[in-house]
Protein backbone atom coordinates (compact mmCIF):
# COMPACT_ATOMS: atom_id res chain seq x y z
CA UNK A 1 0.00 0.00 0.00
CA UNK A 2 2.81 2.44 0.89
CA UNK A 3 4.68 1.52 -2.30
CA UNK A 4 1.60 2.34 -4.37
CA UNK A 5 1.15 5.74 -2.73
CA UNK A 6 4.83 6.51 -3.08
CA UNK A 7 4.71 5.58 -6.76
CA UNK A 8 1.65 7.84 -7.28
CA UNK A 9 3.39 10.69 -5.47
CA UNK A 10 6.53 10.33 -7.59
CA UNK A 11 4.43 10.15 -10.76
CA UNK A 12 2.48 13.27 -9.73
CA UNK A 13 5.64 15.24 -9.01
CA UNK A 14 7.17 14.14 -12.33
CA UNK A 15 4.09 15.33 -14.23
CA UNK A 16 4.14 18.69 -12.42
CA UNK A 17 7.83 19.17 -13.23
CA UNK A 18 7.23 18.40 -16.91
CA UNK A 19 4.23 20.74 -17.18
CA UNK A 20 5.67 23.63 -15.14
CA UNK A 21 7.24 25.50 -18.10
CA UNK A 22 3.90 25.53 -19.91
CA UNK A 23 1.88 26.62 -16.90
CA UNK A 24 4.34 29.31 -15.86
CA UNK A 25 4.89 30.77 -19.33
CA UNK A 26 3.21 34.07 -20.02
CA UNK A 27 0.78 34.21 -22.89
CA UNK A 28 1.97 36.33 -25.79
CA UNK A 29 0.03 39.56 -26.25
CA UNK A 30 -2.48 39.53 -29.08
CA UNK A 31 -3.43 42.30 -31.48
CA UNK A 32 -6.31 42.77 -33.86
CA UNK A 33 -5.94 43.23 -37.60
CA UNK A 34 -6.83 46.91 -37.18
CA UNK A 35 -4.06 47.34 -34.60
CA UNK A 36 -1.65 45.60 -36.98
CA UNK A 37 -2.62 47.88 -39.87
CA UNK A 38 -1.46 50.88 -37.84
CA UNK A 39 1.96 49.25 -37.37
CA UNK A 40 2.58 48.13 -40.96
CA UNK A 41 4.87 51.03 -41.83
CA UNK A 42 6.97 50.64 -38.69
CA UNK A 43 10.54 49.60 -39.66
CA UNK A 44 10.86 47.76 -36.34
CA UNK A 45 7.98 45.43 -37.19
CA UNK A 46 8.61 41.92 -38.51
CA UNK A 47 5.61 39.85 -39.54
CA UNK A 48 6.15 36.10 -39.54
CA UNK A 49 3.74 33.80 -41.32
CA UNK A 50 4.01 30.52 -39.42
CA UNK A 51 1.26 28.58 -41.13
CA UNK A 52 1.99 24.99 -42.02
CA UNK A 53 3.16 24.38 -45.56
CA UNK A 54 -0.11 23.04 -46.94
CA UNK A 55 -2.14 25.83 -45.31
CA UNK A 56 0.25 28.47 -46.61
CA UNK A 57 0.30 27.00 -50.12
CA UNK A 58 -3.51 26.77 -50.35
CA UNK A 59 -4.10 30.32 -49.18
CA UNK A 60 -4.39 33.27 -51.51
CA UNK A 61 -4.34 35.59 -48.49
CA UNK A 62 -0.87 36.62 -47.40
CA UNK A 63 0.29 39.75 -45.64
CA UNK A 64 2.55 41.76 -47.91
CA UNK A 65 6.09 41.81 -46.54
CA UNK A 66 5.55 38.89 -44.17
CA UNK A 67 8.35 36.37 -43.86
CA UNK A 68 7.38 32.70 -44.13
CA UNK A 69 8.87 30.52 -41.40
CA UNK A 70 8.29 26.87 -40.65
CA UNK A 71 6.84 26.59 -37.13
CA UNK A 72 8.34 23.12 -36.71
CA UNK A 73 11.84 24.56 -37.19
CA UNK A 74 11.45 27.35 -34.64
CA UNK A 75 14.82 26.68 -33.01
CA UNK A 76 16.64 27.10 -36.33
CA UNK A 77 15.25 30.56 -37.13
CA UNK A 78 14.19 32.14 -33.83
CA UNK A 79 17.66 33.58 -33.15
CA UNK A 80 17.81 35.34 -36.53
CA UNK A 81 15.38 38.06 -35.45
CA UNK A 82 16.52 40.95 -33.29
CA UNK A 83 15.07 41.23 -29.81
CA UNK A 84 14.79 44.95 -30.52
CA UNK A 85 12.15 44.31 -33.22
CA UNK A 86 8.44 43.78 -32.72
CA UNK A 87 7.60 40.29 -33.97
CA UNK A 88 4.08 39.44 -35.05
CA UNK A 89 3.42 35.78 -35.75
CA UNK A 90 0.27 34.69 -37.51
CA UNK A 91 -1.08 31.36 -38.59
CA UNK A 92 -4.54 32.02 -39.95
PDB file of N, CA and C in Angstrom:
ATOM      1  N   UNK A   1       0.817  -1.188   0.000  1.00  0.00           N
ATOM      2  CA  UNK A   1       0.000   0.000   0.000  1.00  0.00           C
ATOM      3  C   UNK A   1       0.868   1.263   0.000  1.00  0.00           C
ATOM      4  N   UNK A   2       1.917   1.283   0.824  1.00  0.00           N
ATOM      5  CA  UNK A   2       2.806   2.437   0.891  1.00  0.00           C
ATOM      6  C   UNK A   2       3.568   2.588  -0.424  1.00  0.00           C
ATOM      7  N   UNK A   3       3.962   1.460  -1.024  1.00  0.00           N
ATOM      8  CA  UNK A   3       4.678   1.525  -2.300  1.00  0.00           C
ATOM      9  C   UNK A   3       3.795   2.131  -3.381  1.00  0.00           C
ATOM     10  N   UNK A   4       2.536   1.797  -3.387  1.00  0.00           N
ATOM     11  CA  UNK A   4       1.598   2.336  -4.372  1.00  0.00           C
ATOM     12  C   UNK A   4       1.425   3.830  -4.231  1.00  0.00           C
ATOM     13  N   UNK A   5       1.289   4.300  -2.985  1.00  0.00           N
ATOM     14  CA  UNK A   5       1.147   5.737  -2.732  1.00  0.00           C
ATOM     15  C   UNK A   5       2.423   6.493  -3.092  1.00  0.00           C
ATOM     16  N   UNK A   6       3.558   5.888  -2.747  1.00  0.00           N
ATOM     17  CA  UNK A   6       4.833   6.512  -3.083  1.00  0.00           C
ATOM     18  C   UNK A   6       4.996   6.622  -4.594  1.00  0.00           C
ATOM     19  N   UNK A   7       4.622   5.568  -5.296  1.00  0.00           N
ATOM     20  CA  UNK A   7       4.705   5.582  -6.762  1.00  0.00           C
ATOM     21  C   UNK A   7       3.798   6.666  -7.348  1.00  0.00           C
ATOM     22  N   UNK A   8       2.568   6.793  -6.817  1.00  0.00           N
ATOM     23  CA  UNK A   8       1.652   7.842  -7.285  1.00  0.00           C
ATOM     24  C   UNK A   8       2.197   9.233  -6.989  1.00  0.00           C
ATOM     25  N   UNK A   9       2.798   9.408  -5.819  1.00  0.00           N
ATOM     26  CA  UNK A   9       3.386  10.689  -5.468  1.00  0.00           C
ATOM     27  C   UNK A   9       4.532  11.047  -6.408  1.00  0.00           C
ATOM     28  N   UNK A  10       5.402  10.093  -6.675  1.00  0.00           N
ATOM     29  CA  UNK A  10       6.525  10.330  -7.587  1.00  0.00           C
ATOM     30  C   UNK A  10       6.014  10.646  -8.984  1.00  0.00           C
ATOM     31  N   UNK A  11       5.015   9.910  -9.434  1.00  0.00           N
ATOM     32  CA  UNK A  11       4.429  10.149 -10.758  1.00  0.00           C
ATOM     33  C   UNK A  11       3.809  11.544 -10.826  1.00  0.00           C
ATOM     34  N   UNK A  12       3.096  11.943  -9.774  1.00  0.00           N
ATOM     35  CA  UNK A  12       2.479  13.267  -9.735  1.00  0.00           C
ATOM     36  C   UNK A  12       3.513  14.377  -9.779  1.00  0.00           C
ATOM     37  N   UNK A  13       4.576  14.234  -9.020  1.00  0.00           N
ATOM     38  CA  UNK A  13       5.644  15.238  -9.013  1.00  0.00           C
ATOM     39  C   UNK A  13       6.304  15.304 -10.388  1.00  0.00           C
ATOM     40  N   UNK A  14       6.542  14.165 -11.001  1.00  0.00           N
ATOM     41  CA  UNK A  14       7.166  14.136 -12.326  1.00  0.00           C
ATOM     42  C   UNK A  14       6.289  14.867 -13.352  1.00  0.00           C
ATOM     43  N   UNK A  15       5.005  14.658 -13.295  1.00  0.00           N
ATOM     44  CA  UNK A  15       4.088  15.331 -14.225  1.00  0.00           C
ATOM     45  C   UNK A  15       4.109  16.837 -13.991  1.00  0.00           C
ATOM     46  N   UNK A  16       4.092  17.260 -12.723  1.00  0.00           N
ATOM     47  CA  UNK A  16       4.145  18.691 -12.421  1.00  0.00           C
ATOM     48  C   UNK A  16       5.432  19.335 -12.925  1.00  0.00           C
ATOM     49  N   UNK A  17       6.548  18.640 -12.768  1.00  0.00           N
ATOM     50  CA  UNK A  17       7.826  19.166 -13.233  1.00  0.00           C
ATOM     51  C   UNK A  17       7.826  19.312 -14.751  1.00  0.00           C
ATOM     52  N   UNK A  18       7.256  18.340 -15.443  1.00  0.00           N
ATOM     53  CA  UNK A  18       7.226  18.401 -16.913  1.00  0.00           C
ATOM     54  C   UNK A  18       6.300  19.493 -17.416  1.00  0.00           C
ATOM     55  N   UNK A  19       5.203  19.758 -16.726  1.00  0.00           N
ATOM     56  CA  UNK A  19       4.230  20.742 -17.182  1.00  0.00           C
ATOM     57  C   UNK A  19       4.520  22.160 -16.694  1.00  0.00           C
ATOM     58  N   UNK A  20       5.401  22.316 -15.728  1.00  0.00           N
ATOM     59  CA  UNK A  20       5.673  23.628 -15.135  1.00  0.00           C
ATOM     60  C   UNK A  20       6.028  24.708 -16.159  1.00  0.00           C
ATOM     61  N   UNK A  21       6.908  24.438 -17.139  1.00  0.00           N
ATOM     62  CA  UNK A  21       7.236  25.504 -18.104  1.00  0.00           C
ATOM     63  C   UNK A  21       6.032  26.004 -18.884  1.00  0.00           C
ATOM     64  N   UNK A  22       5.075  25.125 -19.143  1.00  0.00           N
ATOM     65  CA  UNK A  22       3.900  25.528 -19.906  1.00  0.00           C
ATOM     66  C   UNK A  22       2.918  26.318 -19.041  1.00  0.00           C
ATOM     67  N   UNK A  23       2.798  25.942 -17.807  1.00  0.00           N
ATOM     68  CA  UNK A  23       1.884  26.616 -16.900  1.00  0.00           C
ATOM     69  C   UNK A  23       2.427  27.981 -16.512  1.00  0.00           C
ATOM     70  N   UNK A  24       3.728  28.083 -16.334  1.00  0.00           N
ATOM     71  CA  UNK A  24       4.344  29.308 -15.859  1.00  0.00           C
ATOM     72  C   UNK A  24       4.627  30.301 -16.979  1.00  0.00           C
ATOM     73  N   UNK A  25       4.598  29.872 -18.215  1.00  0.00           N
ATOM     74  CA  UNK A  25       4.894  30.768 -19.330  1.00  0.00           C
ATOM     75  C   UNK A  25       3.786  31.802 -19.487  1.00  0.00           C
ATOM     76  N   UNK A  26       4.192  33.017 -19.777  1.00  0.00           N
ATOM     77  CA  UNK A  26       3.211  34.066 -20.025  1.00  0.00           C
ATOM     78  C   UNK A  26       2.648  33.913 -21.425  1.00  0.00           C
ATOM     79  N   UNK A  27       1.402  34.252 -21.574  1.00  0.00           N
ATOM     80  CA  UNK A  27       0.784  34.214 -22.886  1.00  0.00           C
ATOM     81  C   UNK A  27       1.251  35.430 -23.673  1.00  0.00           C
ATOM     82  N   UNK A  28       1.541  35.228 -24.931  1.00  0.00           N
ATOM     83  CA  UNK A  28       1.975  36.330 -25.785  1.00  0.00           C
ATOM     84  C   UNK A  28       0.816  37.302 -25.982  1.00  0.00           C
ATOM     85  N   UNK A  29       1.104  38.594 -26.011  1.00  0.00           N
ATOM     86  CA  UNK A  29       0.026  39.561 -26.250  1.00  0.00           C
ATOM     87  C   UNK A  29      -0.552  39.378 -27.648  1.00  0.00           C
ATOM     88  N   UNK A  30      -1.794  39.664 -27.790  1.00  0.00           N
ATOM     89  CA  UNK A  30      -2.479  39.533 -29.082  1.00  0.00           C
ATOM     90  C   UNK A  30      -2.900  40.910 -29.567  1.00  0.00           C
ATOM     91  N   UNK A  31      -2.953  41.051 -30.896  1.00  0.00           N
ATOM     92  CA  UNK A  31      -3.433  42.305 -31.477  1.00  0.00           C
ATOM     93  C   UNK A  31      -4.465  41.981 -32.547  1.00  0.00           C
ATOM     94  N   UNK A  32      -5.299  42.934 -32.819  1.00  0.00           N
ATOM     95  CA  UNK A  32      -6.312  42.772 -33.862  1.00  0.00           C
ATOM     96  C   UNK A  32      -5.713  43.161 -35.212  1.00  0.00           C
ATOM     97  N   UNK A  33      -6.418  42.840 -36.275  1.00  0.00           N
ATOM     98  CA  UNK A  33      -5.937  43.227 -37.605  1.00  0.00           C
ATOM     99  C   UNK A  33      -5.903  44.741 -37.756  1.00  0.00           C
ATOM    100  N   UNK A  34      -6.834  45.438 -37.112  1.00  0.00           N
ATOM    101  CA  UNK A  34      -6.831  46.905 -37.176  1.00  0.00           C
ATOM    102  C   UNK A  34      -5.620  47.489 -36.448  1.00  0.00           C
ATOM    103  N   UNK A  35      -5.250  46.891 -35.319  1.00  0.00           N
ATOM    104  CA  UNK A  35      -4.059  47.340 -34.600  1.00  0.00           C
ATOM    105  C   UNK A  35      -2.800  47.057 -35.420  1.00  0.00           C
ATOM    106  N   UNK A  36      -2.791  45.933 -36.136  1.00  0.00           N
ATOM    107  CA  UNK A  36      -1.652  45.599 -36.982  1.00  0.00           C
ATOM    108  C   UNK A  36      -1.530  46.569 -38.150  1.00  0.00           C
ATOM    109  N   UNK A  37      -2.643  46.945 -38.746  1.00  0.00           N
ATOM    110  CA  UNK A  37      -2.619  47.881 -39.874  1.00  0.00           C
ATOM    111  C   UNK A  37      -1.899  49.173 -39.513  1.00  0.00           C
ATOM    112  N   UNK A  38      -2.097  49.644 -38.291  1.00  0.00           N
ATOM    113  CA  UNK A  38      -1.461  50.881 -37.837  1.00  0.00           C
ATOM    114  C   UNK A  38       0.059  50.715 -37.789  1.00  0.00           C
ATOM    115  N   UNK A  39       0.527  49.499 -37.523  1.00  0.00           N
ATOM    116  CA  UNK A  39       1.956  49.248 -37.365  1.00  0.00           C
ATOM    117  C   UNK A  39       2.684  48.885 -38.658  1.00  0.00           C
ATOM    118  N   UNK A  40       1.970  48.667 -39.741  1.00  0.00           N
ATOM    119  CA  UNK A  40       2.576  48.127 -40.955  1.00  0.00           C
ATOM    120  C   UNK A  40       3.747  48.928 -41.503  1.00  0.00           C
ATOM    121  N   UNK A  41       3.774  50.217 -41.311  1.00  0.00           N
ATOM    122  CA  UNK A  41       4.865  51.034 -41.828  1.00  0.00           C
ATOM    123  C   UNK A  41       6.031  51.172 -40.854  1.00  0.00           C
ATOM    124  N   UNK A  42       5.926  50.550 -39.705  1.00  0.00           N
ATOM    125  CA  UNK A  42       6.973  50.636 -38.686  1.00  0.00           C
ATOM    126  C   UNK A  42       8.173  49.773 -39.100  1.00  0.00           C
ATOM    127  N   UNK A  43       9.357  50.371 -39.242  1.00  0.00           N
ATOM    128  CA  UNK A  43      10.540  49.604 -39.661  1.00  0.00           C
ATOM    129  C   UNK A  43      10.992  48.575 -38.614  1.00  0.00           C
ATOM    130  N   UNK A  44      10.502  48.712 -37.388  1.00  0.00           N
ATOM    131  CA  UNK A  44      10.864  47.761 -36.335  1.00  0.00           C
ATOM    132  C   UNK A  44       9.879  46.601 -36.231  1.00  0.00           C
ATOM    133  N   UNK A  45       8.974  46.492 -37.184  1.00  0.00           N
ATOM    134  CA  UNK A  45       7.980  45.430 -37.194  1.00  0.00           C
ATOM    135  C   UNK A  45       8.412  44.315 -38.142  1.00  0.00           C
ATOM    136  N   UNK A  46       8.351  43.085 -37.665  1.00  0.00           N
ATOM    137  CA  UNK A  46       8.611  41.917 -38.506  1.00  0.00           C
ATOM    138  C   UNK A  46       7.393  41.013 -38.393  1.00  0.00           C
ATOM    139  N   UNK A  47       6.777  40.726 -39.523  1.00  0.00           N
ATOM    140  CA  UNK A  47       5.605  39.853 -39.542  1.00  0.00           C
ATOM    141  C   UNK A  47       6.050  38.480 -40.023  1.00  0.00           C
ATOM    142  N   UNK A  48       5.762  37.474 -39.221  1.00  0.00           N
ATOM    143  CA  UNK A  48       6.153  36.100 -39.540  1.00  0.00           C
ATOM    144  C   UNK A  48       4.911  35.268 -39.786  1.00  0.00           C
ATOM    145  N   UNK A  49       4.835  34.699 -40.963  1.00  0.00           N
ATOM    146  CA  UNK A  49       3.744  33.803 -41.318  1.00  0.00           C
ATOM    147  C   UNK A  49       4.194  32.394 -40.935  1.00  0.00           C
ATOM    148  N   UNK A  50       3.587  31.834 -39.918  1.00  0.00           N
ATOM    149  CA  UNK A  50       4.007  30.522 -39.424  1.00  0.00           C
ATOM    150  C   UNK A  50       2.960  29.438 -39.690  1.00  0.00           C
ATOM    151  N   UNK A  51       2.216  29.625 -40.759  1.00  0.00           N
ATOM    152  CA  UNK A  51       1.256  28.581 -41.134  1.00  0.00           C
ATOM    153  C   UNK A  51       2.003  27.363 -41.649  1.00  0.00           C
ATOM    154  N   UNK A  52       1.400  26.217 -41.490  1.00  0.00           N
ATOM    155  CA  UNK A  52       1.990  24.987 -42.018  1.00  0.00           C
ATOM    156  C   UNK A  52       2.036  25.069 -43.536  1.00  0.00           C
ATOM    157  N   UNK A  53       2.938  24.334 -44.113  1.00  0.00           N
ATOM    158  CA  UNK A  53       3.157  24.385 -45.555  1.00  0.00           C
ATOM    159  C   UNK A  53       1.911  24.256 -46.394  1.00  0.00           C
ATOM    160  N   UNK A  54       1.091  23.246 -46.110  1.00  0.00           N
ATOM    161  CA  UNK A  54      -0.106  23.041 -46.938  1.00  0.00           C
ATOM    162  C   UNK A  54      -1.100  24.180 -46.766  1.00  0.00           C
ATOM    163  N   UNK A  55      -1.223  24.705 -45.547  1.00  0.00           N
ATOM    164  CA  UNK A  55      -2.142  25.826 -45.314  1.00  0.00           C
ATOM    165  C   UNK A  55      -1.647  27.088 -46.008  1.00  0.00           C
ATOM    166  N   UNK A  56      -0.340  27.302 -45.961  1.00  0.00           N
ATOM    167  CA  UNK A  56       0.247  28.473 -46.611  1.00  0.00           C
ATOM    168  C   UNK A  56       0.103  28.374 -48.127  1.00  0.00           C
ATOM    169  N   UNK A  57       0.378  27.196 -48.677  1.00  0.00           N
ATOM    170  CA  UNK A  57       0.299  27.002 -50.125  1.00  0.00           C
ATOM    171  C   UNK A  57      -1.120  27.160 -50.646  1.00  0.00           C
ATOM    172  N   UNK A  58      -2.107  26.709 -49.916  1.00  0.00           N
ATOM    173  CA  UNK A  58      -3.508  26.772 -50.352  1.00  0.00           C
ATOM    174  C   UNK A  58      -4.087  28.176 -50.280  1.00  0.00           C
ATOM    175  N   UNK A  59      -3.517  29.010 -49.427  1.00  0.00           N
ATOM    176  CA  UNK A  59      -4.102  30.322 -49.180  1.00  0.00           C
ATOM    177  C   UNK A  59      -3.713  31.350 -50.239  1.00  0.00           C
ATOM    178  N   UNK A  60      -4.686  32.155 -50.622  1.00  0.00           N
ATOM    179  CA  UNK A  60      -4.393  33.274 -51.514  1.00  0.00           C
ATOM    180  C   UNK A  60      -4.307  34.568 -50.702  1.00  0.00           C
ATOM    181  N   UNK A  61      -4.411  34.436 -49.376  1.00  0.00           N
ATOM    182  CA  UNK A  61      -4.338  35.594 -48.491  1.00  0.00           C
ATOM    183  C   UNK A  61      -3.026  35.552 -47.724  1.00  0.00           C
ATOM    184  N   UNK A  62      -2.171  36.504 -48.057  1.00  0.00           N
ATOM    185  CA  UNK A  62      -0.874  36.615 -47.396  1.00  0.00           C
ATOM    186  C   UNK A  62      -0.630  38.095 -47.117  1.00  0.00           C
ATOM    187  N   UNK A  63      -0.014  38.373 -45.994  1.00  0.00           N
ATOM    188  CA  UNK A  63       0.287  39.750 -45.645  1.00  0.00           C
ATOM    189  C   UNK A  63       1.546  40.174 -46.394  1.00  0.00           C
ATOM    190  N   UNK A  64       1.430  41.260 -47.129  1.00  0.00           N
ATOM    191  CA  UNK A  64       2.554  41.760 -47.909  1.00  0.00           C
ATOM    192  C   UNK A  64       3.730  42.077 -46.979  1.00  0.00           C
ATOM    193  N   UNK A  65       4.887  41.579 -47.325  1.00  0.00           N
ATOM    194  CA  UNK A  65       6.086  41.811 -46.542  1.00  0.00           C
ATOM    195  C   UNK A  65       6.330  40.790 -45.438  1.00  0.00           C
ATOM    196  N   UNK A  66       5.373  39.903 -45.219  1.00  0.00           N
ATOM    197  CA  UNK A  66       5.545  38.886 -44.174  1.00  0.00           C
ATOM    198  C   UNK A  66       6.601  37.877 -44.602  1.00  0.00           C
ATOM    199  N   UNK A  67       7.317  37.375 -43.626  1.00  0.00           N
ATOM    200  CA  UNK A  67       8.350  36.366 -43.862  1.00  0.00           C
ATOM    201  C   UNK A  67       7.765  35.003 -43.494  1.00  0.00           C
ATOM    202  N   UNK A  68       7.894  34.054 -44.390  1.00  0.00           N
ATOM    203  CA  UNK A  68       7.379  32.702 -44.135  1.00  0.00           C
ATOM    204  C   UNK A  68       8.417  31.920 -43.351  1.00  0.00           C
ATOM    205  N   UNK A  69       8.004  31.359 -42.214  1.00  0.00           N
ATOM    206  CA  UNK A  69       8.874  30.522 -41.400  1.00  0.00           C
ATOM    207  C   UNK A  69       8.128  29.242 -41.037  1.00  0.00           C
ATOM    208  N   UNK A  70       8.864  28.159 -41.004  1.00  0.00           N
ATOM    209  CA  UNK A  70       8.285  26.865 -40.653  1.00  0.00           C
ATOM    210  C   UNK A  70       8.187  26.762 -39.136  1.00  0.00           C
ATOM    211  N   UNK A  71       6.977  26.627 -38.588  1.00  0.00           N
ATOM    212  CA  UNK A  71       6.837  26.587 -37.135  1.00  0.00           C
ATOM    213  C   UNK A  71       7.525  25.372 -36.501  1.00  0.00           C
ATOM    214  N   UNK A  72       7.680  24.313 -37.243  1.00  0.00           N
ATOM    215  CA  UNK A  72       8.337  23.118 -36.710  1.00  0.00           C
ATOM    216  C   UNK A  72       9.845  23.307 -36.563  1.00  0.00           C
ATOM    217  N   UNK A  73      10.390  24.297 -37.241  1.00  0.00           N
ATOM    218  CA  UNK A  73      11.836  24.556 -37.189  1.00  0.00           C
ATOM    219  C   UNK A  73      12.150  25.830 -36.412  1.00  0.00           C
ATOM    220  N   UNK A  74      11.327  26.127 -35.427  1.00  0.00           N
ATOM    221  CA  UNK A  74      11.450  27.352 -34.637  1.00  0.00           C
ATOM    222  C   UNK A  74      12.866  27.568 -34.118  1.00  0.00           C
ATOM    223  N   UNK A  75      13.483  26.534 -33.598  1.00  0.00           N
ATOM    224  CA  UNK A  75      14.820  26.680 -33.015  1.00  0.00           C
ATOM    225  C   UNK A  75      15.867  27.086 -34.049  1.00  0.00           C
ATOM    226  N   UNK A  76      15.644  26.761 -35.302  1.00  0.00           N
ATOM    227  CA  UNK A  76      16.636  27.095 -36.327  1.00  0.00           C
ATOM    228  C   UNK A  76      16.532  28.541 -36.809  1.00  0.00           C
ATOM    229  N   UNK A  77      15.384  29.189 -36.641  1.00  0.00           N
ATOM    230  CA  UNK A  77      15.245  30.564 -37.130  1.00  0.00           C
ATOM    231  C   UNK A  77      14.957  31.602 -36.050  1.00  0.00           C
ATOM    232  N   UNK A  78      14.588  31.188 -34.871  1.00  0.00           N
ATOM    233  CA  UNK A  78      14.194  32.145 -33.832  1.00  0.00           C
ATOM    234  C   UNK A  78      15.303  33.142 -33.505  1.00  0.00           C
ATOM    235  N   UNK A  79      16.537  32.703 -33.512  1.00  0.00           N
ATOM    236  CA  UNK A  79      17.661  33.577 -33.148  1.00  0.00           C
ATOM    237  C   UNK A  79      18.011  34.591 -34.249  1.00  0.00           C
ATOM    238  N   UNK A  80      17.449  34.445 -35.418  1.00  0.00           N
ATOM    239  CA  UNK A  80      17.806  35.337 -36.527  1.00  0.00           C
ATOM    240  C   UNK A  80      17.101  36.699 -36.447  1.00  0.00           C
ATOM    241  N   UNK A  81      16.119  36.804 -35.568  1.00  0.00           N
ATOM    242  CA  UNK A  81      15.376  38.056 -35.454  1.00  0.00           C
ATOM    243  C   UNK A  81      15.808  38.818 -34.207  1.00  0.00           C
ATOM    244  N   UNK A  82      16.058  40.096 -34.371  1.00  0.00           N
ATOM    245  CA  UNK A  82      16.525  40.947 -33.288  1.00  0.00           C
ATOM    246  C   UNK A  82      15.480  41.053 -32.180  1.00  0.00           C
ATOM    247  N   UNK A  83      15.953  41.046 -30.957  1.00  0.00           N
ATOM    248  CA  UNK A  83      15.068  41.226 -29.814  1.00  0.00           C
ATOM    249  C   UNK A  83      14.581  42.670 -29.731  1.00  0.00           C
ATOM    250  N   UNK A  84      15.191  43.538 -30.499  1.00  0.00           N
ATOM    251  CA  UNK A  84      14.792  44.947 -30.525  1.00  0.00           C
ATOM    252  C   UNK A  84      13.589  45.172 -31.438  1.00  0.00           C
ATOM    253  N   UNK A  85      13.279  44.193 -32.283  1.00  0.00           N
ATOM    254  CA  UNK A  85      12.147  44.309 -33.216  1.00  0.00           C
ATOM    255  C   UNK A  85      10.854  43.824 -32.576  1.00  0.00           C
ATOM    256  N   UNK A  86       9.752  44.271 -33.125  1.00  0.00           N
ATOM    257  CA  UNK A  86       8.440  43.776 -32.716  1.00  0.00           C
ATOM    258  C   UNK A  86       8.085  42.650 -33.666  1.00  0.00           C
ATOM    259  N   UNK A  87       7.945  41.445 -33.148  1.00  0.00           N
ATOM    260  CA  UNK A  87       7.597  40.292 -33.970  1.00  0.00           C
ATOM    261  C   UNK A  87       6.118  40.002 -33.854  1.00  0.00           C
ATOM    262  N   UNK A  88       5.479  39.833 -34.996  1.00  0.00           N
ATOM    263  CA  UNK A  88       4.082  39.444 -35.054  1.00  0.00           C
ATOM    264  C   UNK A  88       4.036  38.121 -35.800  1.00  0.00           C
ATOM    265  N   UNK A  89       3.560  37.096 -35.135  1.00  0.00           N
ATOM    266  CA  UNK A  89       3.417  35.782 -35.752  1.00  0.00           C
ATOM    267  C   UNK A  89       1.954  35.544 -36.044  1.00  0.00           C
ATOM    268  N   UNK A  90       1.667  35.030 -37.232  1.00  0.00           N
ATOM    269  CA  UNK A  90       0.275  34.689 -37.508  1.00  0.00           C
ATOM    270  C   UNK A  90       0.210  33.344 -38.225  1.00  0.00           C
ATOM    271  N   UNK A  91      -0.933  32.683 -38.005  1.00  0.00           N
ATOM    272  CA  UNK A  91      -1.084  31.356 -38.591  1.00  0.00           C
ATOM    273  C   UNK A  91      -2.444  31.158 -39.209  1.00  0.00           C
ATOM    274  N   UNK A  92      -3.234  32.197 -39.330  1.00  0.00           N
ATOM    275  CA  UNK A  92      -4.539  32.018 -39.951  1.00  0.00           C
ATOM    276  C   UNK A  92      -4.878  33.198 -40.826  1.00  0.00           C
TER     277      UNK A  92
END
